[in-house]
């Protein structure tokens, strides 16, 4: 998917930590919004379950994945009612994305409040969507927060440059690209990933995977430089590893997804009409890695 989501997995793979746990894992790469090679039409699909990662999972092409916490919640809650392959939230994930809302260098907007009723480019039902709402609702009444689809991260920045949209929400490595281009950052925030898995993965296997990721988190924070090229290569040459603002990259060990976390996150999503009502902790979360 996107390297910033999968850094702990990438480091664990490169350092042999999965092998140390006796795991033989096949790594599957799907187009993501951070990749400059991704076809924007893929991300424009309103049918969330038609996107490449979702299609791969529903067809049995993969058994476990991670993405923004809210995106995993929506998929875990709604897949069964859509007649699709079920999945559960199995952990609060290791990777955190730093999202930023940026405007053009010559923009008349200098603070989030000035984006009242102005379109902010993002991808519906992805991390940029949910994090934008989280950030902006602290400054504007909900009815004045306006969003729009504008393709991949690069597409969004280009749309801002042309003046097609007032602002865009992007994550690394595209925040660093935006800074390199002279864009102004109005607000930024970390957001967590969640881990999703099918019933085909047992608790012991997940526990081994999460132990490997925990070691990877420690290794990454010792020295992130050997792994930064995985992010910058997504820009297609627009950014070199030494230009990436690595201080924004934050990883943490996978941990159980608590009832309190579920209640807070799920009810917030319901309040925005971003997920179907009626789900429970018991039918959405399975912390079997810690059973």
Protein backbone atom coordinates (compact mmCIF):
# COMPACT_ATOMS: atom_id res chain seq x y z
CA UNK A 1 0.00 0.00 0.00
CA UNK A 2 1.79 3.15 1.21
CA UNK A 3 5.26 2.86 2.73
CA UNK A 4 4.41 5.13 5.65
CA UNK A 5 1.71 2.64 6.72
CA UNK A 6 3.97 -0.37 6.36
CA UNK A 7 7.31 0.84 7.72
CA UNK A 8 7.34 -1.56 10.67
CA UNK A 9 6.52 -4.46 8.34
CA UNK A 10 9.18 -3.37 5.83
CA UNK A 11 11.86 -3.07 8.51
CA UNK A 12 10.89 -6.43 10.03
CA UNK A 13 11.12 -8.04 6.60
CA UNK A 14 14.46 -6.44 5.71
CA UNK A 15 16.03 -7.26 9.08
CA UNK A 16 14.80 -10.86 9.10
CA UNK A 17 12.60 -10.46 12.17
CA UNK A 18 9.70 -12.39 10.66
CA UNK A 19 12.04 -15.24 9.79
CA UNK A 20 13.34 -15.17 13.37
CA UNK A 21 9.77 -15.87 14.48
CA UNK A 22 9.56 -18.83 12.11
CA UNK A 23 7.21 -17.02 9.75
CA UNK A 24 7.25 -17.31 5.96
CA UNK A 25 5.26 -14.28 4.84
CA UNK A 26 4.31 -13.27 1.31
CA UNK A 27 4.25 -9.50 0.94
CA UNK A 28 1.60 -8.11 -1.39
CA UNK A 29 1.81 -4.56 -2.76
CA UNK A 30 -1.34 -2.72 -3.84
CA UNK A 31 -1.61 0.77 -5.37
CA UNK A 32 -1.84 3.48 -2.73
CA UNK A 33 -2.61 7.17 -2.71
CA UNK A 34 1.01 8.09 -1.87
CA UNK A 35 2.46 6.35 -4.92
CA UNK A 36 3.06 8.63 -7.88
CA UNK A 37 2.37 5.71 -10.25
CA UNK A 38 -1.14 5.08 -8.91
CA UNK A 39 -3.98 5.71 -11.34
CA UNK A 40 -6.11 8.49 -9.87
CA UNK A 41 -9.26 6.87 -11.22
CA UNK A 42 -8.73 4.03 -8.73
CA UNK A 43 -8.96 6.43 -5.83
CA UNK A 44 -11.93 8.26 -7.31
CA UNK A 45 -14.15 5.22 -6.87
CA UNK A 46 -16.90 6.00 -4.42
CA UNK A 47 -17.40 2.25 -3.83
CA UNK A 48 -14.74 1.74 -1.16
CA UNK A 49 -14.71 -2.05 -1.48
CA UNK A 50 -13.86 -1.76 -5.20
CA UNK A 51 -10.41 -0.30 -4.47
CA UNK A 52 -7.36 -2.53 -5.14
CA UNK A 53 -6.47 -3.47 -1.56
CA UNK A 54 -10.07 -4.28 -0.74
CA UNK A 55 -10.48 -6.32 -3.91
CA UNK A 56 -7.32 -8.30 -3.13
CA UNK A 57 -8.52 -9.07 0.37
CA UNK A 58 -12.06 -9.97 -0.65
CA UNK A 59 -10.74 -12.32 -3.34
CA UNK A 60 -8.45 -14.09 -0.86
CA UNK A 61 -5.24 -12.55 -2.19
CA UNK A 62 -4.15 -11.50 1.29
CA UNK A 63 -5.11 -12.27 4.87
CA UNK A 64 -3.84 -9.29 6.86
CA UNK A 65 -3.34 -5.59 6.25
CA UNK A 66 -3.17 -2.22 7.94
CA UNK A 67 -4.50 1.20 7.11
CA UNK A 68 -5.88 4.21 8.96
CA UNK A 69 -7.75 3.30 12.12
CA UNK A 70 -11.05 4.66 10.79
CA UNK A 71 -10.70 2.92 7.44
CA UNK A 72 -10.19 -0.43 9.15
CA UNK A 73 -13.16 0.28 11.44
CA UNK A 74 -15.45 1.02 8.48
CA UNK A 75 -14.38 -2.10 6.63
CA UNK A 76 -14.64 -4.36 9.69
CA UNK A 77 -18.14 -3.05 10.46
CA UNK A 78 -19.59 -3.01 6.94
CA UNK A 79 -17.97 -5.91 5.04
CA UNK A 80 -20.34 -8.60 6.30
CA UNK A 81 -23.48 -6.61 5.50
CA UNK A 82 -22.10 -6.08 1.97
CA UNK A 83 -21.67 -9.83 1.52
CA UNK A 84 -17.89 -9.57 1.53
CA UNK A 85 -15.13 -11.49 3.25
CA UNK A 86 -15.25 -10.64 6.96
CA UNK A 87 -12.34 -9.17 8.87
CA UNK A 88 -11.72 -8.06 12.45
CA UNK A 89 -9.67 -5.33 14.06
CA UNK A 90 -6.83 -7.32 15.65
CA UNK A 91 -4.57 -4.54 16.97
CA UNK A 92 -3.88 -0.85 17.16
CA UNK A 93 -1.07 -0.79 14.63
CA UNK A 94 2.60 0.14 14.74
CA UNK A 95 2.66 2.90 12.11
CA UNK A 96 1.34 6.41 12.54
CA UNK A 97 0.93 8.80 9.62
CA UNK A 98 1.56 12.52 10.00
CA UNK A 99 -1.10 14.26 7.93
CA UNK A 100 -0.91 17.96 7.09
CA UNK A 101 -3.32 20.39 5.47
CA UNK A 102 -1.31 22.54 3.08
CA UNK A 103 -1.98 25.55 0.87
CA UNK A 104 -0.09 27.17 -2.00
CA UNK A 105 2.82 29.55 -1.33
CA UNK A 106 0.74 32.53 -2.49
CA UNK A 107 -2.46 31.42 -0.77
CA UNK A 108 -4.53 34.01 1.14
CA UNK A 109 -5.13 31.37 3.85
CA UNK A 110 -2.90 31.36 6.92
CA UNK A 111 -4.92 29.48 9.54
CA UNK A 112 -7.47 26.64 9.55
CA UNK A 113 -10.41 28.98 10.27
CA UNK A 114 -9.87 30.66 6.91
CA UNK A 115 -10.78 27.41 5.15
CA UNK A 116 -14.42 27.91 6.10
CA UNK A 117 -16.56 26.53 3.24
CA UNK A 118 -13.37 26.05 1.13
CA UNK A 119 -12.72 22.63 -0.47
CA UNK A 120 -9.91 20.52 0.98
CA UNK A 121 -8.67 17.76 -1.35
CA UNK A 122 -8.46 14.22 0.08
CA UNK A 123 -9.50 10.61 -0.54
CA UNK A 124 -12.95 9.61 0.76
CA UNK A 125 -12.92 7.04 3.58
CA UNK A 126 -9.12 7.07 3.82
CA UNK A 127 -6.83 8.49 6.49
CA UNK A 128 -6.70 11.91 4.86
CA UNK A 129 -10.50 12.12 5.04
CA UNK A 130 -10.85 11.19 8.70
CA UNK A 131 -7.81 13.15 9.87
CA UNK A 132 -8.99 16.28 8.05
CA UNK A 133 -12.32 16.10 9.86
CA UNK A 134 -10.57 15.52 13.19
CA UNK A 135 -8.30 18.51 12.69
CA UNK A 136 -10.81 20.93 11.23
CA UNK A 137 -13.71 20.33 13.62
CA UNK A 138 -11.65 22.04 16.32
CA UNK A 139 -11.78 25.27 14.30
CA UNK A 140 -15.01 25.21 12.30
CA UNK A 141 -18.58 24.04 12.75
CA UNK A 142 -19.03 20.76 10.91
CA UNK A 143 -21.30 22.23 8.24
CA UNK A 144 -18.48 24.57 7.19
CA UNK A 145 -15.85 21.82 6.69
CA UNK A 146 -15.83 21.10 2.95
CA UNK A 147 -13.90 18.28 1.27
CA UNK A 148 -13.42 17.05 -2.28
CA UNK A 149 -11.71 14.24 -4.19
CA UNK A 150 -8.65 15.24 -6.20
CA UNK A 151 -6.77 11.98 -6.80
CA UNK A 152 -3.39 10.92 -5.48
CA UNK A 153 -1.17 12.94 -3.16
CA UNK A 154 0.67 14.46 -6.11
CA UNK A 155 -2.62 15.21 -7.87
CA UNK A 156 -3.79 17.09 -4.78
CA UNK A 157 -0.70 19.25 -4.60
CA UNK A 158 -0.96 20.01 -8.31
CA UNK A 159 -4.63 20.95 -7.84
CA UNK A 160 -3.65 23.35 -5.06
CA UNK A 161 -0.93 24.89 -7.27
CA UNK A 162 -3.46 25.45 -10.07
CA UNK A 163 -5.97 26.98 -7.69
CA UNK A 164 -8.56 24.25 -8.30
CA UNK A 165 -8.86 23.66 -4.56
CA UNK A 166 -8.01 25.81 -1.56
CA UNK A 167 -6.02 23.17 0.31
CA UNK A 168 -5.03 19.52 0.37
CA UNK A 169 -4.45 16.95 3.05
CA UNK A 170 -1.30 14.88 2.44
CA UNK A 171 1.04 12.62 4.41
CA UNK A 172 4.73 11.82 4.13
CA UNK A 173 6.60 11.79 1.84
CA UNK A 174 4.26 14.37 0.29
CA UNK A 175 4.38 16.82 3.19
CA UNK A 176 8.12 17.06 2.56
CA UNK A 177 7.47 17.50 -1.16
CA UNK A 178 4.99 20.27 -0.36
CA UNK A 179 7.57 22.01 1.82
CA UNK A 180 10.18 21.66 -0.91
CA UNK A 181 7.75 23.34 -3.29
CA UNK A 182 7.22 26.18 -0.84
CA UNK A 183 3.73 25.23 0.30
CA UNK A 184 2.43 26.56 3.60
CA UNK A 185 1.37 24.10 6.32
CA UNK A 186 -1.73 25.21 8.23
CA UNK A 187 -2.11 22.27 10.61
CA UNK A 188 -0.79 18.74 11.02
CA UNK A 189 -1.44 15.73 13.23
CA UNK A 190 -0.47 12.12 13.72
CA UNK A 191 -3.09 9.44 13.15
CA UNK A 192 -2.82 5.77 14.06
CA UNK A 193 -3.08 2.68 11.92
CA UNK A 194 -5.11 -0.38 12.86
CA UNK A 195 -4.35 -3.97 11.92
CA UNK A 196 -7.07 -6.03 10.24
CA UNK A 197 -7.05 -9.79 9.71
CA UNK A 198 -9.22 -12.60 8.46
CA UNK A 199 -10.26 -15.54 10.60
CA UNK A 200 -7.65 -17.61 8.72
CA UNK A 201 -4.87 -16.11 10.85
CA UNK A 202 -4.71 -17.57 14.34
CA UNK A 203 -3.68 -15.69 17.45
CA UNK A 204 -0.25 -17.30 17.73
CA UNK A 205 0.67 -16.28 14.18
CA UNK A 206 -0.51 -12.72 14.73
CA UNK A 207 1.40 -12.55 18.00
CA UNK A 208 4.59 -13.61 16.20
CA UNK A 209 3.99 -10.99 13.51
CA UNK A 210 3.48 -8.28 16.12
CA UNK A 211 6.63 -9.31 18.03
CA UNK A 212 8.59 -8.89 14.79
CA UNK A 213 7.03 -5.46 14.22
CA UNK A 214 7.85 -4.43 17.80
CA UNK A 215 11.54 -5.19 17.17
CA UNK A 216 11.28 -3.27 13.90
CA UNK A 217 9.93 -0.19 15.70
CA UNK A 218 12.98 -0.15 17.96
CA UNK A 219 15.33 -0.67 15.01
CA UNK A 220 13.74 2.10 12.97
CA UNK A 221 13.99 4.67 15.72
CA UNK A 222 17.66 3.82 16.27
CA UNK A 223 18.37 5.03 12.73
CA UNK A 224 15.61 5.64 10.16
CA UNK A 225 17.94 6.59 7.29
CA UNK A 226 18.37 3.08 5.77
CA UNK A 227 14.62 2.86 5.21
CA UNK A 228 13.72 6.35 4.01
CA UNK A 229 14.16 5.44 0.34
CA UNK A 230 11.01 3.33 0.57
CA UNK A 231 9.07 6.54 1.12
CA UNK A 232 10.91 8.83 -1.27
CA UNK A 233 10.70 6.36 -4.17
CA UNK A 234 6.92 6.85 -4.05
CA UNK A 235 7.47 10.43 -5.29
CA UNK A 236 9.03 9.34 -8.58
CA UNK A 237 12.21 11.37 -8.10
CA UNK A 238 10.66 14.51 -6.59
CA UNK A 239 12.36 13.91 -3.25
CA UNK A 240 15.66 12.42 -2.11
CA UNK A 241 15.97 10.55 1.22
CA UNK A 242 17.98 13.37 2.82
CA UNK A 243 15.14 15.81 1.96
CA UNK A 244 12.50 13.81 3.81
CA UNK A 245 11.49 15.32 7.14
CA UNK A 246 12.07 12.07 9.03
CA UNK A 247 11.23 13.63 12.39
CA UNK A 248 7.57 13.26 11.42
CA UNK A 249 7.82 9.47 11.26
CA UNK A 250 6.57 7.87 14.45
CA UNK A 251 6.16 4.16 15.11
CA UNK A 252 4.90 2.31 18.18
CA UNK A 253 4.54 -1.40 19.05
CA UNK A 254 1.22 -3.00 18.08
CA UNK A 255 -1.09 -3.20 21.08
CA UNK A 256 -4.58 -4.53 21.89
CA UNK A 257 -7.52 -2.55 20.56
CA UNK A 258 -9.41 -1.60 23.71
CA UNK A 259 -13.13 -1.27 24.27
CA UNK A 260 -12.69 2.38 25.23
CA UNK A 261 -10.80 3.06 22.00
CA UNK A 262 -13.51 1.30 20.00
CA UNK A 263 -16.31 3.24 21.69
CA UNK A 264 -14.63 6.62 21.18
CA UNK A 265 -13.62 6.00 17.56
CA UNK A 266 -16.79 4.25 16.44
CA UNK A 267 -19.19 6.76 17.97
CA UNK A 268 -17.23 9.65 16.46
CA UNK A 269 -17.49 8.01 13.02
CA UNK A 270 -21.23 7.41 13.47
CA UNK A 271 -21.66 11.07 14.39
CA UNK A 272 -20.15 12.03 11.03
CA UNK A 273 -22.26 9.42 9.19
CA UNK A 274 -19.02 7.74 8.11
CA UNK A 275 -19.92 4.20 9.21
CA UNK A 276 -23.06 2.12 9.64
CA UNK A 277 -24.58 2.20 13.15
CA UNK A 278 -25.26 -0.85 15.28
CA UNK A 279 -21.81 -2.44 15.55
CA UNK A 280 -20.43 -3.73 18.84
CA UNK A 281 -16.96 -4.25 20.24
CA UNK A 282 -17.57 -7.99 20.34
CA UNK A 283 -18.44 -8.33 16.65
CA UNK A 284 -15.77 -5.93 15.41
CA UNK A 285 -12.62 -6.50 17.51
CA UNK A 286 -10.63 -9.68 18.21
CA UNK A 287 -7.42 -9.24 20.21
CA UNK A 288 -6.55 -12.91 19.76
CA UNK A 289 -2.82 -12.14 19.52
CA UNK A 290 -2.93 -11.45 23.26
CA UNK A 291 -5.32 -14.25 24.25
